[in-house]
Amino acid sequence: MAENKYEEELAKLVLGEVSELVVEKGDFFLFREAWREHPDRDKIVGEAFLYGKIIYRFKS
């Protein structure tokens, strides 16, 4: 199985390499798979916007 692109994006978010992660409606379930397996998922908080766009930020 191919690696989920959001695994690397979540790692960058947690390490502070990026300040936010934008997930569009069509990518939500792919993102969710990576998020559910992440050990710090309770600190990764999303803010929903119109048309299914979600911006996730890491809250330490």
N, C-alpha and C. Protein backbone atom coordinates (compact mmCIF):
# COMPACT_ATOMS: atom_id res chain seq x y z
N MET A 1 0.84 -1.17 0.00
CA MET A 1 0.00 0.00 0.00
C MET A 1 0.89 1.25 0.00
N ALA A 2 0.50 2.28 -0.74
CA ALA A 2 1.29 3.50 -0.85
C ALA A 2 1.17 4.32 0.44
N GLU A 3 2.22 5.07 0.70
CA GLU A 3 2.22 5.92 1.90
C GLU A 3 1.24 7.08 1.70
N ASN A 4 0.55 7.40 2.75
CA ASN A 4 -0.42 8.48 2.75
C ASN A 4 0.34 9.81 2.79
N LYS A 5 0.06 10.72 1.86
CA LYS A 5 0.78 11.99 1.80
C LYS A 5 0.58 12.83 3.06
N TYR A 6 -0.51 12.61 3.75
CA TYR A 6 -0.79 13.40 4.95
C TYR A 6 0.02 12.96 6.16
N GLU A 7 0.62 11.78 6.14
CA GLU A 7 1.49 11.36 7.24
C GLU A 7 2.66 12.32 7.34
N GLU A 8 3.28 12.64 6.22
CA GLU A 8 4.41 13.57 6.20
C GLU A 8 3.95 14.99 6.53
N GLU A 9 2.80 15.38 6.02
CA GLU A 9 2.28 16.73 6.29
C GLU A 9 1.97 16.91 7.77
N LEU A 10 1.41 15.90 8.41
CA LEU A 10 1.14 15.97 9.84
C LEU A 10 2.43 16.05 10.65
N ALA A 11 3.44 15.33 10.23
CA ALA A 11 4.74 15.39 10.91
C ALA A 11 5.31 16.80 10.83
N LYS A 12 5.22 17.44 9.68
CA LYS A 12 5.70 18.81 9.52
C LYS A 12 4.92 19.77 10.42
N LEU A 13 3.63 19.55 10.52
CA LEU A 13 2.79 20.39 11.36
C LEU A 13 3.20 20.29 12.83
N VAL A 14 3.38 19.08 13.30
CA VAL A 14 3.74 18.84 14.70
C VAL A 14 5.14 19.37 15.01
N LEU A 15 6.05 19.26 14.07
CA LEU A 15 7.42 19.74 14.28
C LEU A 15 7.54 21.26 14.14
N GLY A 16 6.49 21.91 13.68
CA GLY A 16 6.51 23.36 13.53
C GLY A 16 7.09 23.84 12.21
N GLU A 17 7.31 22.93 11.27
CA GLU A 17 7.83 23.33 9.97
C GLU A 17 6.79 24.09 9.15
N VAL A 18 5.52 23.83 9.41
CA VAL A 18 4.41 24.57 8.81
C VAL A 18 3.47 24.96 9.95
N SER A 19 2.78 26.08 9.78
CA SER A 19 1.90 26.56 10.85
C SER A 19 0.48 26.02 10.74
N GLU A 20 0.09 25.60 9.53
CA GLU A 20 -1.24 25.06 9.34
C GLU A 20 -1.26 24.11 8.16
N LEU A 21 -2.28 23.29 8.15
CA LEU A 21 -2.45 22.29 7.10
C LEU A 21 -3.87 22.44 6.56
N VAL A 22 -3.98 22.72 5.26
CA VAL A 22 -5.29 22.92 4.63
C VAL A 22 -5.71 21.61 3.97
N VAL A 23 -6.91 21.15 4.32
CA VAL A 23 -7.46 19.92 3.76
C VAL A 23 -8.76 20.28 3.04
N GLU A 24 -8.82 19.95 1.77
CA GLU A 24 -10.02 20.20 0.98
C GLU A 24 -10.99 19.03 1.15
N LYS A 25 -12.22 19.28 0.82
CA LYS A 25 -13.30 18.30 0.99
C LYS A 25 -12.96 16.93 0.38
N GLY A 26 -12.42 16.92 -0.81
CA GLY A 26 -12.11 15.67 -1.50
C GLY A 26 -11.01 14.85 -0.86
N ASP A 27 -10.17 15.48 -0.04
CA ASP A 27 -9.04 14.79 0.60
C ASP A 27 -9.32 14.43 2.05
N PHE A 28 -10.51 14.74 2.56
CA PHE A 28 -10.75 14.57 3.98
C PHE A 28 -10.54 13.14 4.47
N PHE A 29 -11.07 12.16 3.76
CA PHE A 29 -10.96 10.78 4.24
C PHE A 29 -9.52 10.27 4.18
N LEU A 30 -8.75 10.72 3.21
CA LEU A 30 -7.34 10.38 3.15
C LEU A 30 -6.60 11.01 4.35
N PHE A 31 -6.90 12.27 4.64
CA PHE A 31 -6.32 12.94 5.81
C PHE A 31 -6.71 12.22 7.09
N ARG A 32 -7.98 11.87 7.20
CA ARG A 32 -8.50 11.24 8.42
C ARG A 32 -7.78 9.94 8.74
N GLU A 33 -7.44 9.16 7.73
CA GLU A 33 -6.69 7.92 7.95
C GLU A 33 -5.36 8.20 8.63
N ALA A 34 -4.63 9.20 8.13
CA ALA A 34 -3.33 9.55 8.72
C ALA A 34 -3.50 10.15 10.11
N TRP A 35 -4.52 11.00 10.26
CA TRP A 35 -4.77 11.67 11.55
C TRP A 35 -5.11 10.65 12.64
N ARG A 36 -5.93 9.67 12.33
CA ARG A 36 -6.34 8.67 13.33
C ARG A 36 -5.17 7.87 13.87
N GLU A 37 -4.13 7.68 13.07
CA GLU A 37 -2.97 6.90 13.48
C GLU A 37 -1.89 7.75 14.16
N HIS A 38 -2.04 9.06 14.13
CA HIS A 38 -1.01 9.95 14.68
C HIS A 38 -1.09 10.00 16.21
N PRO A 39 0.05 9.87 16.90
CA PRO A 39 0.03 9.85 18.37
C PRO A 39 -0.40 11.18 19.00
N ASP A 40 -0.27 12.30 18.30
CA ASP A 40 -0.64 13.61 18.84
C ASP A 40 -1.95 14.12 18.26
N ARG A 41 -2.82 13.24 17.84
CA ARG A 41 -4.04 13.67 17.16
C ARG A 41 -4.94 14.55 18.03
N ASP A 42 -4.87 14.39 19.33
CA ASP A 42 -5.70 15.23 20.20
C ASP A 42 -5.22 16.67 20.25
N LYS A 43 -4.02 16.94 19.76
CA LYS A 43 -3.47 18.30 19.72
C LYS A 43 -3.56 18.92 18.33
N ILE A 44 -4.07 18.17 17.37
CA ILE A 44 -4.23 18.66 16.00
C ILE A 44 -5.70 19.06 15.86
N VAL A 45 -5.93 20.37 15.81
CA VAL A 45 -7.28 20.92 15.87
C VAL A 45 -7.66 21.52 14.52
N GLY A 46 -8.85 21.19 14.06
CA GLY A 46 -9.32 21.70 12.78
C GLY A 46 -10.38 22.76 12.92
N GLU A 47 -10.38 23.70 11.99
CA GLU A 47 -11.38 24.74 11.90
C GLU A 47 -12.04 24.63 10.53
N ALA A 48 -13.35 24.39 10.53
CA ALA A 48 -14.07 24.16 9.29
C ALA A 48 -14.50 25.48 8.64
N PHE A 49 -14.46 25.47 7.31
CA PHE A 49 -14.88 26.61 6.52
C PHE A 49 -15.91 26.16 5.49
N LEU A 50 -16.42 27.09 4.73
CA LEU A 50 -17.41 26.77 3.70
C LEU A 50 -16.87 25.80 2.66
N TYR A 51 -17.76 25.03 2.10
CA TYR A 51 -17.47 24.10 1.00
C TYR A 51 -16.53 22.97 1.38
N GLY A 52 -16.44 22.64 2.65
CA GLY A 52 -15.69 21.47 3.08
C GLY A 52 -14.22 21.68 3.35
N LYS A 53 -13.74 22.90 3.26
CA LYS A 53 -12.33 23.19 3.53
C LYS A 53 -12.10 23.22 5.05
N ILE A 54 -11.03 22.58 5.50
CA ILE A 54 -10.68 22.54 6.93
C ILE A 54 -9.21 22.94 7.08
N ILE A 55 -8.95 23.82 8.02
CA ILE A 55 -7.57 24.21 8.32
C ILE A 55 -7.21 23.63 9.69
N TYR A 56 -6.16 22.81 9.70
CA TYR A 56 -5.70 22.18 10.93
C TYR A 56 -4.47 22.90 11.46
N ARG A 57 -4.42 23.05 12.78
CA ARG A 57 -3.28 23.66 13.45
C ARG A 57 -2.89 22.77 14.63
N PHE A 58 -1.62 22.84 15.01
CA PHE A 58 -1.13 22.05 16.14
C PHE A 58 -1.17 22.90 17.39
N LYS A 59 -1.85 22.44 18.41
CA LYS A 59 -1.96 23.13 19.70
C LYS A 59 -1.14 22.37 20.73
N SER A 60 0.01 22.91 21.09
CA SER A 60 0.88 22.20 22.05
C SER A 60 0.46 22.43 23.48
